[in-house]
PDB file of N, CA and C in Angstrom:
ATOM      1  N   MET A   1      92.829 157.213  63.012  1.00  0.00           N
ATOM      2  CA  MET A   1      92.883 158.631  62.761  1.00  0.00           C
ATOM      3  C   MET A   1      93.296 159.339  64.042  1.00  0.00           C
ATOM      4  N   ARG A   2      94.189 160.279  63.913  1.00  0.00           N
ATOM      5  CA  ARG A   2      94.652 160.983  65.113  1.00  0.00           C
ATOM      6  C   ARG A   2      93.609 162.005  65.556  1.00  0.00           C
ATOM      7  N   PRO A   3      93.553 162.308  66.844  1.00  0.00           N
ATOM      8  CA  PRO A   3      92.550 163.248  67.359  1.00  0.00           C
ATOM      9  C   PRO A   3      92.695 164.631  66.737  1.00  0.00           C
ATOM     10  N   ILE A   4      91.574 165.328  66.608  1.00  0.00           N
ATOM     11  CA  ILE A   4      91.572 166.674  66.057  1.00  0.00           C
ATOM     12  C   ILE A   4      91.516 167.670  67.204  1.00  0.00           C
ATOM     13  N   TYR A   5      92.521 168.539  67.272  1.00  0.00           N
ATOM     14  CA  TYR A   5      92.579 169.524  68.345  1.00  0.00           C
ATOM     15  C   TYR A   5      92.397 170.953  67.840  1.00  0.00           C
ATOM     16  N   LYS A   6      92.504 171.138  66.547  1.00  0.00           N
ATOM     17  CA  LYS A   6      92.384 172.464  65.970  1.00  0.00           C
ATOM     18  C   LYS A   6      91.555 172.342  64.704  1.00  0.00           C
ATOM     19  N   ILE A   7      90.526 173.163  64.575  1.00  0.00           N
ATOM     20  CA  ILE A   7      89.671 173.114  63.393  1.00  0.00           C
ATOM     21  C   ILE A   7      89.898 174.386  62.600  1.00  0.00           C
ATOM     22  N   GLN A   8      90.384 174.217  61.380  1.00  0.00           N
ATOM     23  CA  GLN A   8      90.617 175.365  60.512  1.00  0.00           C
ATOM     24  C   GLN A   8      90.663 174.884  59.070  1.00  0.00           C
ATOM     25  N   SER A   9      90.544 175.801  58.160  1.00  0.00           N
ATOM     26  CA  SER A   9      90.654 175.478  56.748  1.00  0.00           C
ATOM     27  C   SER A   9      92.129 175.345  56.388  1.00  0.00           C
ATOM     28  N   ASN A  10      92.430 174.439  55.475  1.00  0.00           N
ATOM     29  CA  ASN A  10      93.799 174.285  55.008  1.00  0.00           C
ATOM     30  C   ASN A  10      94.114 175.206  53.833  1.00  0.00           C
ATOM     31  N   TYR A  11      93.104 175.898  53.310  1.00  0.00           N
ATOM     32  CA  TYR A  11      93.273 176.735  52.127  1.00  0.00           C
ATOM     33  C   TYR A  11      92.677 178.110  52.369  1.00  0.00           C
ATOM     34  N   LYS A  12      93.038 179.057  51.512  1.00  0.00           N
ATOM     35  CA  LYS A  12      92.486 180.402  51.611  1.00  0.00           C
ATOM     36  C   LYS A  12      91.098 180.406  50.981  1.00  0.00           C
ATOM     37  N   LEU A  13      90.101 180.210  51.827  1.00  0.00           N
ATOM     38  CA  LEU A  13      88.714 180.192  51.381  1.00  0.00           C
ATOM     39  C   LEU A  13      88.027 181.473  51.826  1.00  0.00           C
ATOM     40  N   HIS A  14      87.013 181.848  51.110  1.00  0.00           N
ATOM     41  CA  HIS A  14      86.196 182.974  51.538  1.00  0.00           C
ATOM     42  C   HIS A  14      84.782 182.794  50.999  1.00  0.00           C
ATOM     43  N   ALA A  15      83.837 183.445  51.660  1.00  0.00           N
ATOM     44  CA  ALA A  15      82.449 183.439  51.203  1.00  0.00           C
ATOM     45  C   ALA A  15      82.256 184.655  50.304  1.00  0.00           C
ATOM     46  N   GLU A  16      81.555 184.448  49.188  1.00  0.00           N
ATOM     47  CA  GLU A  16      81.245 185.572  48.309  1.00  0.00           C
ATOM     48  C   GLU A  16      79.890 185.346  47.652  1.00  0.00           C
ATOM     49  N   TRP A  17      79.289 186.430  47.178  1.00  0.00           N
ATOM     50  CA  TRP A  17      78.005 186.368  46.499  1.00  0.00           C
ATOM     51  C   TRP A  17      78.202 185.640  45.178  1.00  0.00           C
ATOM     52  N   ILE A  18      77.426 184.577  44.958  1.00  0.00           N
ATOM     53  CA  ILE A  18      77.550 183.784  43.732  1.00  0.00           C
ATOM     54  C   ILE A  18      76.483 184.199  42.724  1.00  0.00           C
ATOM     55  N   SER A  19      75.217 184.167  43.151  1.00  0.00           N
ATOM     56  CA  SER A  19      74.112 184.537  42.269  1.00  0.00           C
ATOM     57  C   SER A  19      72.852 184.723  43.099  1.00  0.00           C
ATOM     58  N   LYS A  20      71.814 185.248  42.466  1.00  0.00           N
ATOM     59  CA  LYS A  20      70.541 185.431  43.168  1.00  0.00           C
ATOM     60  C   LYS A  20      69.955 184.081  43.579  1.00  0.00           C
ATOM     61  N   GLU A  21      70.106 183.062  42.740  1.00  0.00           N
ATOM     62  CA  GLU A  21      69.614 181.714  43.063  1.00  0.00           C
ATOM     63  C   GLU A  21      70.372 181.084  44.222  1.00  0.00           C
ATOM     64  N   LYS A  22      71.691 181.126  44.144  1.00  0.00           N
ATOM     65  CA  LYS A  22      72.536 180.462  45.140  1.00  0.00           C
ATOM     66  C   LYS A  22      72.806 181.317  46.367  1.00  0.00           C
ATOM     67  N   GLU A  23      72.791 182.624  46.198  1.00  0.00           N
ATOM     68  CA  GLU A  23      73.202 183.579  47.218  1.00  0.00           C
ATOM     69  C   GLU A  23      74.704 183.436  47.460  1.00  0.00           C
ATOM     70  N   PHE A  24      75.129 183.255  48.726  1.00  0.00           N
ATOM     71  CA  PHE A  24      76.561 183.147  49.003  1.00  0.00           C
ATOM     72  C   PHE A  24      77.060 181.724  48.779  1.00  0.00           C
ATOM     73  N   GLY A  25      78.345 181.612  48.491  1.00  0.00           N
ATOM     74  CA  GLY A  25      79.008 180.326  48.351  1.00  0.00           C
ATOM     75  C   GLY A  25      80.448 180.466  48.795  1.00  0.00           C
ATOM     76  N   VAL A  26      81.187 179.369  48.701  1.00  0.00           N
ATOM     77  CA  VAL A  26      82.586 179.346  49.144  1.00  0.00           C
ATOM     78  C   VAL A  26      83.488 179.236  47.921  1.00  0.00           C
ATOM     79  N   VAL A  27      84.500 180.103  47.892  1.00  0.00           N
ATOM     80  CA  VAL A  27      85.432 180.162  46.777  1.00  0.00           C
ATOM     81  C   VAL A  27      86.847 180.053  47.345  1.00  0.00           C
ATOM     82  N   THR A  28      87.733 179.406  46.585  1.00  0.00           N
ATOM     83  CA  THR A  28      89.132 179.286  47.011  1.00  0.00           C
ATOM     84  C   THR A  28      89.995 180.290  46.259  1.00  0.00           C
ATOM     85  N   LYS A  29      90.993 180.791  46.926  1.00  0.00           N
ATOM     86  CA  LYS A  29      91.977 181.674  46.291  1.00  0.00           C
ATOM     87  C   LYS A  29      93.227 180.898  45.885  1.00  0.00           C
ATOM     88  N   GLU A  30      93.302 179.627  46.286  1.00  0.00           N
ATOM     89  CA  GLU A  30      94.480 178.806  46.005  1.00  0.00           C
ATOM     90  C   GLU A  30      94.084 177.554  45.230  1.00  0.00           C
ATOM     91  N   PHE A  31      95.049 176.990  44.525  1.00  0.00           N
ATOM     92  CA  PHE A  31      94.875 175.690  43.887  1.00  0.00           C
ATOM     93  C   PHE A  31      94.732 174.631  44.979  1.00  0.00           C
ATOM     94  N   ILE A  32      93.761 173.749  44.829  1.00  0.00           N
ATOM     95  CA  ILE A  32      93.559 172.650  45.781  1.00  0.00           C
ATOM     96  C   ILE A  32      93.708 171.331  45.023  1.00  0.00           C
ATOM     97  N   PRO A  33      94.715 170.525  45.352  1.00  0.00           N
ATOM     98  CA  PRO A  33      94.899 169.243  44.669  1.00  0.00           C
ATOM     99  C   PRO A  33      93.792 168.241  45.020  1.00  0.00           C
ATOM    100  N   LYS A  34      93.545 167.310  44.116  1.00  0.00           N
ATOM    101  CA  LYS A  34      92.577 166.234  44.332  1.00  0.00           C
ATOM    102  C   LYS A  34      92.906 165.480  45.626  1.00  0.00           C
ATOM    103  N   ASN A  35      91.870 165.046  46.336  1.00  0.00           N
ATOM    104  CA  ASN A  35      91.964 164.282  47.597  1.00  0.00           C
ATOM    105  C   ASN A  35      92.571 165.065  48.757  1.00  0.00           C
ATOM    106  N   SER A  36      92.518 166.386  48.696  1.00  0.00           N
ATOM    107  CA  SER A  36      93.021 167.210  49.800  1.00  0.00           C
ATOM    108  C   SER A  36      91.922 167.448  50.828  1.00  0.00           C
ATOM    109  N   ILE A  37      92.309 167.490  52.091  1.00  0.00           N
ATOM    110  CA  ILE A  37      91.373 167.883  53.138  1.00  0.00           C
ATOM    111  C   ILE A  37      91.263 169.398  53.081  1.00  0.00           C
ATOM    112  N   ILE A  38      90.051 169.881  52.876  1.00  0.00           N
ATOM    113  CA  ILE A  38      89.813 171.310  52.741  1.00  0.00           C
ATOM    114  C   ILE A  38      89.498 171.932  54.093  1.00  0.00           C
ATOM    115  N   GLU A  39      88.636 171.250  54.855  1.00  0.00           N
ATOM    116  CA  GLU A  39      88.185 171.825  56.113  1.00  0.00           C
ATOM    117  C   GLU A  39      87.628 170.739  57.020  1.00  0.00           C
ATOM    118  N   TYR A  40      87.880 170.874  58.308  1.00  0.00           N
ATOM    119  CA  TYR A  40      87.169 170.110  59.333  1.00  0.00           C
ATOM    120  C   TYR A  40      86.121 171.064  59.894  1.00  0.00           C
ATOM    121  N   SER A  41      84.886 170.675  59.846  1.00  0.00           N
ATOM    122  CA  SER A  41      83.803 171.536  60.287  1.00  0.00           C
ATOM    123  C   SER A  41      83.125 170.939  61.515  1.00  0.00           C
ATOM    124  N   TYR A  42      83.149 171.679  62.601  1.00  0.00           N
ATOM    125  CA  TYR A  42      82.489 171.240  63.830  1.00  0.00           C
ATOM    126  C   TYR A  42      80.986 171.390  63.644  1.00  0.00           C
ATOM    127  N   CYS A  43      80.218 170.407  64.075  1.00  0.00           N
ATOM    128  CA  CYS A  43      78.767 170.436  63.931  1.00  0.00           C
ATOM    129  C   CYS A  43      78.108 170.773  65.258  1.00  0.00           C
ATOM    130  N   ILE A  44      77.215 171.733  65.203  1.00  0.00           N
ATOM    131  CA  ILE A  44      76.513 172.208  66.388  1.00  0.00           C
ATOM    132  C   ILE A  44      75.162 171.508  66.468  1.00  0.00           C
ATOM    133  N   PRO A  45      74.857 170.850  67.595  1.00  0.00           N
ATOM    134  CA  PRO A  45      73.558 170.184  67.725  1.00  0.00           C
ATOM    135  C   PRO A  45      72.416 171.200  67.792  1.00  0.00           C
ATOM    136  N   VAL A  46      71.313 170.905  67.096  1.00  0.00           N
ATOM    137  CA  VAL A  46      70.135 171.768  67.119  1.00  0.00           C
ATOM    138  C   VAL A  46      68.884 170.905  67.240  1.00  0.00           C
ATOM    139  N   ASN A  47      67.822 171.535  67.705  1.00  0.00           N
ATOM    140  CA  ASN A  47      66.525 170.883  67.728  1.00  0.00           C
ATOM    141  C   ASN A  47      65.871 171.189  66.381  1.00  0.00           C
ATOM    142  N   ARG A  48      65.767 170.203  65.531  1.00  0.00           N
ATOM    143  CA  ARG A  48      65.279 170.384  64.165  1.00  0.00           C
ATOM    144  C   ARG A  48      63.885 171.023  64.128  1.00  0.00           C
ATOM    145  N   ASP A  49      63.014 170.686  65.057  1.00  0.00           N
ATOM    146  CA  ASP A  49      61.652 171.221  65.069  1.00  0.00           C
ATOM    147  C   ASP A  49      61.610 172.700  65.427  1.00  0.00           C
ATOM    148  N   GLU A  50      62.598 173.172  66.146  1.00  0.00           N
ATOM    149  CA  GLU A  50      62.603 174.565  66.592  1.00  0.00           C
ATOM    150  C   GLU A  50      63.539 175.453  65.778  1.00  0.00           C
ATOM    151  N   PHE A  51      64.417 174.864  64.989  1.00  0.00           N
ATOM    152  CA  PHE A  51      65.424 175.650  64.294  1.00  0.00           C
ATOM    153  C   PHE A  51      64.939 176.013  62.897  1.00  0.00           C
ATOM    154  N   ARG A  52      64.554 177.256  62.695  1.00  0.00           N
ATOM    155  CA  ARG A  52      63.926 177.672  61.443  1.00  0.00           C
ATOM    156  C   ARG A  52      64.880 177.734  60.259  1.00  0.00           C
ATOM    157  N   PHE A  53      66.174 177.742  60.505  1.00  0.00           N
ATOM    158  CA  PHE A  53      67.139 177.782  59.403  1.00  0.00           C
ATOM    159  C   PHE A  53      67.734 176.403  59.132  1.00  0.00           C
ATOM    160  N   TYR A  54      66.979 175.356  59.409  1.00  0.00           N
ATOM    161  CA  TYR A  54      67.519 174.008  59.285  1.00  0.00           C
ATOM    162  C   TYR A  54      67.982 173.682  57.868  1.00  0.00           C
ATOM    163  N   ARG A  55      67.520 174.412  56.884  1.00  0.00           N
ATOM    164  CA  ARG A  55      67.913 174.109  55.502  1.00  0.00           C
ATOM    165  C   ARG A  55      69.431 174.141  55.321  1.00  0.00           C
ATOM    166  N   TYR A  56      70.158 174.682  56.283  1.00  0.00           N
ATOM    167  CA  TYR A  56      71.605 174.717  56.203  1.00  0.00           C
ATOM    168  C   TYR A  56      72.267 173.491  56.822  1.00  0.00           C
ATOM    169  N   GLY A  57      71.493 172.496  57.194  1.00  0.00           N
ATOM    170  CA  GLY A  57      72.040 171.265  57.746  1.00  0.00           C
ATOM    171  C   GLY A  57      72.670 170.404  56.664  1.00  0.00           C
ATOM    172  N   ILE A  58      73.327 169.340  57.068  1.00  0.00           N
ATOM    173  CA  ILE A  58      73.976 168.408  56.156  1.00  0.00           C
ATOM    174  C   ILE A  58      73.110 167.168  56.020  1.00  0.00           C
ATOM    175  N   ASP A  59      72.789 166.763  54.788  1.00  0.00           N
ATOM    176  CA  ASP A  59      71.991 165.564  54.547  1.00  0.00           C
ATOM    177  C   ASP A  59      72.713 164.352  55.132  1.00  0.00           C
ATOM    178  N   GLY A  60      72.030 163.563  55.910  1.00  0.00           N
ATOM    179  CA  GLY A  60      72.627 162.384  56.512  1.00  0.00           C
ATOM    180  C   GLY A  60      73.212 162.631  57.882  1.00  0.00           C
ATOM    181  N   VAL A  61      73.237 163.877  58.316  1.00  0.00           N
ATOM    182  CA  VAL A  61      73.736 164.216  59.647  1.00  0.00           C
ATOM    183  C   VAL A  61      72.595 164.937  60.369  1.00  0.00           C
ATOM    184  N   PRO A  62      71.628 164.175  60.881  1.00  0.00           N
ATOM    185  CA  PRO A  62      70.441 164.795  61.457  1.00  0.00           C
ATOM    186  C   PRO A  62      70.745 165.608  62.709  1.00  0.00           C
ATOM    187  N   ASN A  63      70.032 166.704  62.829  1.00  0.00           N
ATOM    188  CA  ASN A  63      70.072 167.553  64.026  1.00  0.00           C
ATOM    189  C   ASN A  63      71.420 168.207  64.293  1.00  0.00           C
ATOM    190  N   PHE A  64      72.169 168.474  63.246  1.00  0.00           N
ATOM    191  CA  PHE A  64      73.434 169.182  63.379  1.00  0.00           C
ATOM    192  C   PHE A  64      73.549 170.243  62.291  1.00  0.00           C
ATOM    193  N   ILE A  65      74.163 171.358  62.632  1.00  0.00           N
ATOM    194  CA  ILE A  65      74.480 172.404  61.670  1.00  0.00           C
ATOM    195  C   ILE A  65      75.998 172.499  61.617  1.00  0.00           C
ATOM    196  N   ALA A  66      76.554 172.449  60.416  1.00  0.00           N
ATOM    197  CA  ALA A  66      78.005 172.529  60.254  1.00  0.00           C
ATOM    198  C   ALA A  66      78.471 173.969  60.415  1.00  0.00           C
ATOM    199  N   SER A  67      79.520 174.179  61.180  1.00  0.00           N
ATOM    200  CA  SER A  67      80.074 175.522  61.371  1.00  0.00           C
ATOM    201  C   SER A  67      81.162 175.777  60.331  1.00  0.00           C
ATOM    202  N   GLY A  68      81.861 176.876  60.496  1.00  0.00           N
ATOM    203  CA  GLY A  68      82.884 177.240  59.510  1.00  0.00           C
ATOM    204  C   GLY A  68      82.223 177.490  58.171  1.00  0.00           C
ATOM    205  N   PHE A  69      82.822 177.017  57.104  1.00  0.00           N
ATOM    206  CA  PHE A  69      82.211 177.132  55.785  1.00  0.00           C
ATOM    207  C   PHE A  69      81.245 175.984  55.508  1.00  0.00           C
ATOM    208  N   GLY A  70      81.145 175.031  56.425  1.00  0.00           N
ATOM    209  CA  GLY A  70      80.353 173.822  56.216  1.00  0.00           C
ATOM    210  C   GLY A  70      78.922 174.029  55.778  1.00  0.00           C
ATOM    211  N   SER A  71      78.284 175.091  56.240  1.00  0.00           N
ATOM    212  CA  SER A  71      76.901 175.356  55.862  1.00  0.00           C
ATOM    213  C   SER A  71      76.778 176.320  54.684  1.00  0.00           C
ATOM    214  N   LEU A  72      77.899 176.738  54.122  1.00  0.00           N
ATOM    215  CA  LEU A  72      77.859 177.669  52.984  1.00  0.00           C
ATOM    216  C   LEU A  72      78.191 177.012  51.653  1.00  0.00           C
ATOM    217  N   TYR A  73      78.737 175.797  51.667  1.00  0.00           N
ATOM    218  CA  TYR A  73      79.035 175.132  50.400  1.00  0.00           C
ATOM    219  C   TYR A  73      77.726 174.878  49.665  1.00  0.00           C
ATOM    220  N   ASN A  74      77.651 175.259  48.402  1.00  0.00           N
ATOM    221  CA  ASN A  74      76.446 175.065  47.603  1.00  0.00           C
ATOM    222  C   ASN A  74      76.387 173.680  46.986  1.00  0.00           C
ATOM    223  N   HIS A  75      75.209 173.362  46.440  1.00  0.00           N
ATOM    224  CA  HIS A  75      74.959 172.074  45.780  1.00  0.00           C
ATOM    225  C   HIS A  75      75.434 172.106  44.335  1.00  0.00           C
ATOM    226  N   SER A  76      75.884 170.948  43.860  1.00  0.00           N
ATOM    227  CA  SER A  76      76.172 170.752  42.446  1.00  0.00           C
ATOM    228  C   SER A  76      75.948 169.289  42.107  1.00  0.00           C
ATOM    229  N   GLU A  77      75.382 169.037  40.930  1.00  0.00           N
ATOM    230  CA  GLU A  77      75.253 167.662  40.446  1.00  0.00           C
ATOM    231  C   GLU A  77      76.606 167.132  39.981  1.00  0.00           C
ATOM    232  N   THR A  78      77.557 168.025  39.775  1.00  0.00           N
ATOM    233  CA  THR A  78      78.940 167.641  39.442  1.00  0.00           C
ATOM    234  C   THR A  78      79.861 168.297  40.479  1.00  0.00           C
ATOM    235  N   PRO A  79      79.834 167.780  41.704  1.00  0.00           N
ATOM    236  CA  PRO A  79      80.568 168.421  42.802  1.00  0.00           C
ATOM    237  C   PRO A  79      82.080 168.316  42.644  1.00  0.00           C
ATOM    238  N   ASN A  80      82.777 169.251  43.286  1.00  0.00           N
ATOM    239  CA  ASN A  80      84.237 169.178  43.316  1.00  0.00           C
ATOM    240  C   ASN A  80      84.752 168.872  44.727  1.00  0.00           C
ATOM    241  N   ILE A  81      83.818 168.796  45.702  1.00  0.00           N
ATOM    242  CA  ILE A  81      84.180 168.378  47.063  1.00  0.00           C
ATOM    243  C   ILE A  81      83.149 167.375  47.569  1.00  0.00           C
ATOM    244  N   LYS A  82      83.503 166.668  48.631  1.00  0.00           N
ATOM    245  CA  LYS A  82      82.578 165.760  49.304  1.00  0.00           C
ATOM    246  C   LYS A  82      82.795 165.907  50.801  1.00  0.00           C
ATOM    247  N   TRP A  83      81.840 165.424  51.563  1.00  0.00           N
ATOM    248  CA  TRP A  83      81.990 165.452  53.018  1.00  0.00           C
ATOM    249  C   TRP A  83      81.995 164.039  53.551  1.00  0.00           C
ATOM    250  N   GLU A  84      82.694 163.857  54.665  1.00  0.00           N
ATOM    251  CA  GLU A  84      82.761 162.553  55.346  1.00  0.00           C
ATOM    252  C   GLU A  84      82.715 162.807  56.843  1.00  0.00           C
ATOM    253  N   HIS A  85      82.092 161.868  57.555  1.00  0.00           N
ATOM    254  CA  HIS A  85      82.169 161.920  59.014  1.00  0.00           C
ATOM    255  C   HIS A  85      83.574 161.526  59.429  1.00  0.00           C
ATOM    256  N   THR A  86      84.063 162.140  60.469  1.00  0.00           N
ATOM    257  CA  THR A  86      85.305 161.686  61.076  1.00  0.00           C
ATOM    258  C   THR A  86      84.911 160.697  62.171  1.00  0.00           C
ATOM    259  N   SER A  87      85.856 160.273  62.957  1.00  0.00           N
ATOM    260  CA  SER A  87      85.548 159.343  64.045  1.00  0.00           C
ATOM    261  C   SER A  87      84.652 159.989  65.096  1.00  0.00           C
ATOM    262  N   ASN A  88      84.618 161.306  65.123  1.00  0.00           N
ATOM    263  CA  ASN A  88      83.755 162.049  66.036  1.00  0.00           C
ATOM    264  C   ASN A  88      82.555 162.532  65.230  1.00  0.00           C
ATOM    265  N   ILE A  89      81.359 162.085  65.543  1.00  0.00           N
ATOM    266  CA  ILE A  89      80.158 162.415  64.784  1.00  0.00           C
ATOM    267  C   ILE A  89      79.939 163.919  64.664  1.00  0.00           C
ATOM    268  N   LYS A  90      80.489 164.707  65.578  1.00  0.00           N
ATOM    269  CA  LYS A  90      80.284 166.148  65.544  1.00  0.00           C
ATOM    270  C   LYS A  90      81.249 166.886  64.636  1.00  0.00           C
ATOM    271  N   ILE A  91      82.104 166.175  63.934  1.00  0.00           N
ATOM    272  CA  ILE A  91      83.062 166.812  63.027  1.00  0.00           C
ATOM    273  C   ILE A  91      82.916 166.199  61.639  1.00  0.00           C
ATOM    274  N   ILE A  92      82.750 167.068  60.642  1.00  0.00           N
ATOM    275  CA  ILE A  92      82.667 166.639  59.249  1.00  0.00           C
ATOM    276  C   ILE A  92      83.925 167.125  58.539  1.00  0.00           C
ATOM    277  N   MET A  93      84.487 166.252  57.718  1.00  0.00           N
ATOM    278  CA  MET A  93      85.668 166.592  56.944  1.00  0.00           C
ATOM    279  C   MET A  93      85.242 166.810  55.490  1.00  0.00           C
ATOM    280  N   PHE A  94      85.642 167.927  54.908  1.00  0.00           N
ATOM    281  CA  PHE A  94      85.389 168.211  53.495  1.00  0.00           C
ATOM    282  C   PHE A  94      86.676 167.958  52.721  1.00  0.00           C
ATOM    283  N   LYS A  95      86.566 167.169  51.631  1.00  0.00           N
ATOM    284  CA  LYS A  95      87.727 166.805  50.811  1.00  0.00           C
ATOM    285  C   LYS A  95      87.453 167.117  49.346  1.00  0.00           C
ATOM    286  N   SER A  96      88.504 167.383  48.606  1.00  0.00           N
ATOM    287  CA  SER A  96      88.362 167.659  47.171  1.00  0.00           C
ATOM    288  C   SER A  96      88.242 166.349  46.391  1.00  0.00           C
ATOM    289  N   LEU A  97      87.331 166.343  45.426  1.00  0.00           N
ATOM    290  CA  LEU A  97      87.131 165.180  44.557  1.00  0.00           C
ATOM    291  C   LEU A  97      88.011 165.238  43.318  1.00  0.00           C
ATOM    292  N   ARG A  98      88.486 166.423  43.003  1.00  0.00           N
ATOM    293  CA  ARG A  98      89.344 166.648  41.828  1.00  0.00           C
ATOM    294  C   ARG A  98      90.187 167.879  42.103  1.00  0.00           C
ATOM    295  N   ASP A  99      91.118 168.181  41.224  1.00  0.00           N
ATOM    296  CA  ASP A  99      91.869 169.432  41.343  1.00  0.00           C
ATOM    297  C   ASP A  99      90.889 170.600  41.239  1.00  0.00           C
ATOM    298  N   ILE A 100      91.074 171.599  42.082  1.00  0.00           N
ATOM    299  CA  ILE A 100      90.206 172.779  42.085  1.00  0.00           C
ATOM    300  C   ILE A 100      91.086 174.000  41.839  1.00  0.00           C
ATOM    301  N   GLU A 101      90.706 174.780  40.866  1.00  0.00           N
ATOM    302  CA  GLU A 101      91.497 175.941  40.463  1.00  0.00           C
ATOM    303  C   GLU A 101      91.184 177.169  41.330  1.00  0.00           C
ATOM    304  N   PRO A 102      92.123 178.118  41.428  1.00  0.00           N
ATOM    305  CA  PRO A 102      91.852 179.362  42.155  1.00  0.00           C
ATOM    306  C   PRO A 102      90.621 180.069  41.591  1.00  0.00           C
ATOM    307  N   ASN A 103      89.856 180.693  42.463  1.00  0.00           N
ATOM    308  CA  ASN A 103      88.619 181.431  42.139  1.00  0.00           C
ATOM    309  C   ASN A 103      87.465 180.535  41.725  1.00  0.00           C
ATOM    310  N   GLU A 104      87.575 179.238  41.986  1.00  0.00           N
ATOM    311  CA  GLU A 104      86.492 178.300  41.681  1.00  0.00           C
ATOM    312  C   GLU A 104      85.636 178.105  42.933  1.00  0.00           C
ATOM    313  N   GLU A 105      84.327 178.011  42.723  1.00  0.00           N
ATOM    314  CA  GLU A 105      83.418 177.755  43.839  1.00  0.00           C
ATOM    315  C   GLU A 105      83.517 176.294  44.269  1.00  0.00           C
ATOM    316  N   LEU A 106      83.467 176.051  45.565  1.00  0.00           N
ATOM    317  CA  LEU A 106      83.485 174.697  46.113  1.00  0.00           C
ATOM    318  C   LEU A 106      82.051 174.255  46.370  1.00  0.00           C
ATOM    319  N   CYS A 107      81.661 173.128  45.778  1.00  0.00           N
ATOM    320  CA  CYS A 107      80.290 172.624  45.896  1.00  0.00           C
ATOM    321  C   CYS A 107      80.308 171.130  46.157  1.00  0.00           C
ATOM    322  N   HIS A 108      79.340 170.686  46.952  1.00  0.00           N
ATOM    323  CA  HIS A 108      79.163 169.245  47.154  1.00  0.00           C
ATOM    324  C   HIS A 108      77.743 168.877  46.770  1.00  0.00           C
ATOM    325  N   ARG A 109      77.472 167.605  46.684  1.00  0.00           N
ATOM    326  CA  ARG A 109      76.145 167.125  46.319  1.00  0.00           C
ATOM    327  C   ARG A 109      75.318 167.021  47.585  1.00  0.00           C
ATOM    328  N   TYR A 110      74.160 167.683  47.599  1.00  0.00           N
ATOM    329  CA  TYR A 110      73.323 167.709  48.787  1.00  0.00           C
ATOM    330  C   TYR A 110      72.596 166.404  49.053  1.00  0.00           C
ATOM    331  N   GLY A 111      72.431 165.560  48.056  1.00  0.00           N
ATOM    332  CA  GLY A 111      71.787 164.262  48.274  1.00  0.00           C
ATOM    333  C   GLY A 111      70.276 164.321  48.236  1.00  0.00           C
ATOM    334  N   ASP A 112      69.636 163.415  48.958  1.00  0.00           N
ATOM    335  CA  ASP A 112      68.183 163.277  48.920  1.00  0.00           C
ATOM    336  C   ASP A 112      67.460 164.528  49.380  1.00  0.00           C
ATOM    337  N   TYR A 113      68.038 165.277  50.304  1.00  0.00           N
ATOM    338  CA  TYR A 113      67.432 166.532  50.770  1.00  0.00           C
ATOM    339  C   TYR A 113      67.165 167.454  49.592  1.00  0.00           C
ATOM    340  N   TRP A 114      68.133 167.603  48.718  1.00  0.00           N
ATOM    341  CA  TRP A 114      68.027 168.523  47.586  1.00  0.00           C
ATOM    342  C   TRP A 114      66.968 168.056  46.604  1.00  0.00           C
ATOM    343  N   LYS A 115      66.904 166.749  46.361  1.00  0.00           N
ATOM    344  CA  LYS A 115      65.895 166.211  45.439  1.00  0.00           C
ATOM    345  C   LYS A 115      64.489 166.506  45.941  1.00  0.00           C
ATOM    346  N   SER A 116      64.225 166.234  47.212  1.00  0.00           N
ATOM    347  CA  SER A 116      62.887 166.431  47.770  1.00  0.00           C
ATOM    348  C   SER A 116      62.540 167.918  47.834  1.00  0.00           C
ATOM    349  N   LYS A 117      63.509 168.777  48.113  1.00  0.00           N
ATOM    350  CA  LYS A 117      63.264 170.223  48.200  1.00  0.00           C
ATOM    351  C   LYS A 117      62.839 170.774  46.856  1.00  0.00           C
ATOM    352  N   ASN A 118      63.420 170.281  45.777  1.00  0.00           N
ATOM    353  CA  ASN A 118      63.172 170.839  44.450  1.00  0.00           C
ATOM    354  C   ASN A 118      62.024 170.184  43.708  1.00  0.00           C
ATOM    355  N   LYS A 119      61.329 169.241  44.325  1.00  0.00           N
ATOM    356  CA  LYS A 119      60.162 168.624  43.690  1.00  0.00           C
ATOM    357  C   LYS A 119      58.923 169.486  43.843  1.00  0.00           C
ATOM    358  N   LYS A 120      58.970 170.464  44.729  1.00  0.00           N
ATOM    359  CA  LYS A 120      57.800 171.314  45.002  1.00  0.00           C
ATOM    360  C   LYS A 120      57.502 172.259  43.866  1.00  0.00           C
TER     361      LYS A 120
END
């Protein structure tokens, strides 16, 4: 994989109010084809014990908060995006799992974090 020197979204994304349950989420204004790289998100290291907003972290990436839209993508049991580590642990790549239509919310599966959070 070639080095990443610029971090930006490849599509016209924006944050908007989704619902009272979800609050804000990420929506695309453009069609996104399946298997497209949507965003490289730089991860900021945090001290999990001291960071009160840790709920915005990525499951499986301990002690990091994703920047850009990385911490705004909502959960779905039928996600249309997924995240992957790049060769640099501090950068997460978000990719489309299927074609995504304009004005559709982008969601990934939160994993075990989401299951344990909702058992309460």
